[in-house]
């Protein structure tokens, strides 16, 4: 019994480690992508809105990179936080055996949500800049981007529900004690 528990914990740590490394790598690449954006593209994007004054357009072009980087960092923390909290304090509650998502913790779900947000933000950034470039990339149309992003979020919600219902009703009540309420 104790050997099974150790094997299960090792498997859980391996899954968390892989997801975390993937999240960190993609976040760093997204930050690099945001910050290597040419100022000419940002200025061209700001000029698409002539009703905004020149000063505001220049301010947008200069502050966009910093604002997007800061927003990505803060939103990722906000997305991961509640899942890390429930994972840490609810770790003693073990799901029923046989669930396909037993080795995935709630912290992993927080990481996956933050990963989804990071990829979606990078995709939106790409779509905005693709709109103002002279040569448009056609491999990712806006409708395909929305479809893929929405499908990924729907899969995340379904997986989270499967994980939540892998616990008994009593265990779900115990987990609700650790849920952060706003």
Protein backbone atom coordinates (compact mmCIF):
# COMPACT_ATOMS: atom_id res chain seq x y z
CA UNK A 1 0.00 0.00 0.00
CA UNK A 2 2.76 2.43 0.93
CA UNK A 3 4.73 1.47 -2.20
CA UNK A 4 1.67 2.32 -4.34
CA UNK A 5 1.38 5.66 -2.59
CA UNK A 6 5.04 6.49 -3.24
CA UNK A 7 4.73 5.51 -6.90
CA UNK A 8 1.60 7.62 -7.25
CA UNK A 9 3.31 10.66 -5.68
CA UNK A 10 6.36 10.25 -7.94
CA UNK A 11 4.12 10.05 -11.00
CA UNK A 12 2.24 13.15 -9.84
CA UNK A 13 5.49 15.08 -9.33
CA UNK A 14 6.71 14.06 -12.78
CA UNK A 15 3.53 15.36 -14.43
CA UNK A 16 3.72 18.63 -12.48
CA UNK A 17 7.39 19.07 -13.37
CA UNK A 18 6.76 18.59 -17.08
CA UNK A 19 3.80 20.96 -17.14
CA UNK A 20 5.72 23.56 -15.13
CA UNK A 21 8.77 23.41 -17.41
CA UNK A 22 6.54 23.69 -20.47
CA UNK A 23 4.75 26.68 -18.92
CA UNK A 24 8.02 28.44 -18.02
CA UNK A 25 9.52 27.85 -21.47
CA UNK A 26 6.43 29.09 -23.31
CA UNK A 27 6.11 32.10 -21.00
CA UNK A 28 9.71 33.11 -21.64
CA UNK A 29 9.26 32.67 -25.39
CA UNK A 30 6.04 34.72 -25.28
CA UNK A 31 7.77 37.51 -23.35
CA UNK A 32 10.60 37.50 -25.90
CA UNK A 33 8.07 37.58 -28.73
CA UNK A 34 6.25 40.55 -27.17
CA UNK A 35 9.46 42.46 -26.57
CA UNK A 36 11.10 41.94 -29.98
CA UNK A 37 8.10 43.49 -31.72
CA UNK A 38 9.38 46.31 -33.94
CA UNK A 39 8.29 49.81 -32.90
CA UNK A 40 7.22 50.44 -36.50
CA UNK A 41 4.55 47.73 -36.20
CA UNK A 42 3.27 49.18 -32.93
CA UNK A 43 3.20 52.67 -34.42
CA UNK A 44 1.33 51.35 -37.46
CA UNK A 45 -1.18 49.68 -35.14
CA UNK A 46 -1.69 52.91 -33.19
CA UNK A 47 -2.16 54.85 -36.45
CA UNK A 48 -5.15 52.65 -37.32
CA UNK A 49 -7.06 54.76 -34.79
CA UNK A 50 -6.89 58.35 -36.13
CA UNK A 51 -9.41 59.61 -33.57
CA UNK A 52 -6.73 59.20 -30.90
CA UNK A 53 -4.21 62.04 -30.72
CA UNK A 54 -0.58 61.74 -31.80
CA UNK A 55 0.70 61.92 -28.24
CA UNK A 56 -1.53 59.05 -27.16
CA UNK A 57 -0.49 57.00 -30.19
CA UNK A 58 3.19 57.47 -29.33
CA UNK A 59 2.50 56.62 -25.70
CA UNK A 60 0.72 53.43 -26.76
CA UNK A 61 3.58 52.40 -29.03
CA UNK A 62 6.17 52.98 -26.31
CA UNK A 63 4.31 51.41 -23.39
CA UNK A 64 2.71 48.42 -25.15
CA UNK A 65 5.59 45.99 -24.62
CA UNK A 66 5.91 46.73 -20.93
CA UNK A 67 2.14 46.66 -20.35
CA UNK A 68 1.66 43.32 -22.11
CA UNK A 69 4.62 41.76 -20.29
CA UNK A 70 3.38 42.97 -16.91
CA UNK A 71 -0.19 41.87 -17.65
CA UNK A 72 1.01 38.42 -18.66
CA UNK A 73 3.05 38.07 -15.48
CA UNK A 74 0.28 39.28 -13.14
CA UNK A 75 -2.57 37.38 -14.78
CA UNK A 76 -0.55 34.16 -14.76
CA UNK A 77 -0.04 34.57 -11.01
CA UNK A 78 -3.75 35.26 -10.48
CA UNK A 79 -4.71 32.21 -12.56
CA UNK A 80 -2.30 29.83 -10.84
CA UNK A 81 -2.82 31.09 -7.28
CA UNK A 82 -6.22 29.59 -6.39
CA UNK A 83 -5.29 26.24 -7.90
CA UNK A 84 -2.00 26.18 -6.03
CA UNK A 85 -3.87 26.99 -2.80
CA UNK A 86 -6.41 24.18 -3.20
CA UNK A 87 -3.70 21.78 -4.32
CA UNK A 88 -1.50 22.55 -1.32
CA UNK A 89 -4.18 22.46 1.36
CA UNK A 90 -6.27 19.73 -0.25
CA UNK A 91 -3.34 17.42 -1.00
CA UNK A 92 -4.35 15.02 1.77
CA UNK A 93 -7.65 14.29 -0.03
CA UNK A 94 -6.99 11.51 -2.52
CA UNK A 95 -9.32 10.84 -5.48
CA UNK A 96 -10.89 7.48 -6.20
CA UNK A 97 -8.69 4.95 -7.95
CA UNK A 98 -9.07 4.45 -11.66
CA UNK A 99 -9.64 8.06 -12.70
CA UNK A 100 -7.60 9.01 -15.77
CA UNK A 101 -6.60 12.33 -14.18
CA UNK A 102 -5.39 11.07 -10.79
CA UNK A 103 -1.79 12.00 -11.53
CA UNK A 104 -2.77 15.58 -12.44
CA UNK A 105 -3.07 17.93 -9.46
CA UNK A 106 -5.17 21.07 -9.16
CA UNK A 107 -1.91 23.03 -9.37
CA UNK A 108 -1.37 21.43 -12.78
CA UNK A 109 -4.79 22.69 -13.84
CA UNK A 110 -3.79 26.19 -12.76
CA UNK A 111 -0.59 25.89 -14.78
CA UNK A 112 -2.53 24.65 -17.80
CA UNK A 113 -4.97 27.58 -17.52
CA UNK A 114 -2.07 30.04 -17.32
CA UNK A 115 -0.44 28.27 -20.28
CA UNK A 116 -3.68 28.62 -22.25
CA UNK A 117 -3.83 32.33 -21.37
CA UNK A 118 -0.19 32.85 -22.40
CA UNK A 119 -0.70 31.14 -25.76
CA UNK A 120 -3.95 33.04 -26.34
CA UNK A 121 -2.31 36.37 -25.55
CA UNK A 122 0.59 35.57 -27.89
CA UNK A 123 -1.91 34.59 -30.58
CA UNK A 124 -3.85 37.84 -30.13
CA UNK A 125 -0.59 39.77 -30.34
CA UNK A 126 0.23 37.94 -33.57
CA UNK A 127 -3.24 38.67 -34.99
CA UNK A 128 -3.00 42.38 -34.17
CA UNK A 129 0.43 42.76 -35.72
CA UNK A 130 -0.51 40.63 -38.71
CA UNK A 131 -3.29 43.12 -39.40
CA UNK A 132 -0.87 46.04 -39.86
CA UNK A 133 1.99 44.27 -41.64
CA UNK A 134 2.45 44.68 -45.37
CA UNK A 135 2.82 40.93 -45.92
CA UNK A 136 0.16 39.01 -44.02
CA UNK A 137 0.73 35.51 -42.70
CA UNK A 138 -2.19 33.33 -43.73
CA UNK A 139 -1.47 30.15 -41.76
CA UNK A 140 -3.55 31.34 -38.79
CA UNK A 141 -6.72 33.21 -39.65
CA UNK A 142 -8.62 35.00 -36.88
CA UNK A 143 -11.50 32.52 -37.04
CA UNK A 144 -9.14 29.54 -36.79
CA UNK A 145 -7.38 31.19 -33.85
CA UNK A 146 -10.67 31.72 -32.01
CA UNK A 147 -11.73 28.14 -32.78
CA UNK A 148 -8.49 26.59 -31.50
CA UNK A 149 -8.33 28.81 -28.43
CA UNK A 150 -11.97 28.13 -27.56
CA UNK A 151 -11.56 24.39 -28.09
CA UNK A 152 -8.49 24.32 -25.83
CA UNK A 153 -10.39 26.18 -23.08
CA UNK A 154 -13.37 23.83 -23.43
CA UNK A 155 -11.07 20.80 -23.12
CA UNK A 156 -9.55 22.37 -19.99
CA UNK A 157 -13.01 22.86 -18.43
CA UNK A 158 -14.06 19.29 -19.22
CA UNK A 159 -10.81 17.88 -17.79
CA UNK A 160 -11.26 19.99 -14.64
CA UNK A 161 -14.80 18.65 -14.21
CA UNK A 162 -13.59 15.08 -14.70
CA UNK A 163 -10.91 15.70 -12.07
CA UNK A 164 -13.41 17.27 -9.65
CA UNK A 165 -15.87 14.41 -10.04
CA UNK A 166 -13.15 11.79 -9.53
CA UNK A 167 -13.63 12.53 -5.83
CA UNK A 168 -16.54 11.22 -3.77
CA UNK A 169 -19.26 13.67 -2.75
CA UNK A 170 -17.83 13.85 0.78
CA UNK A 171 -14.35 14.56 -0.60
CA UNK A 172 -15.76 17.29 -2.87
CA UNK A 173 -17.29 18.95 0.20
CA UNK A 174 -13.88 18.80 1.88
CA UNK A 175 -12.21 20.33 -1.18
CA UNK A 176 -14.75 23.17 -1.23
CA UNK A 177 -13.43 24.23 2.17
CA UNK A 178 -10.14 25.11 0.51
CA UNK A 179 -11.64 26.92 -2.48
CA UNK A 180 -10.88 30.62 -2.55
CA UNK A 181 -14.08 32.63 -2.62
CA UNK A 182 -14.17 36.13 -4.04
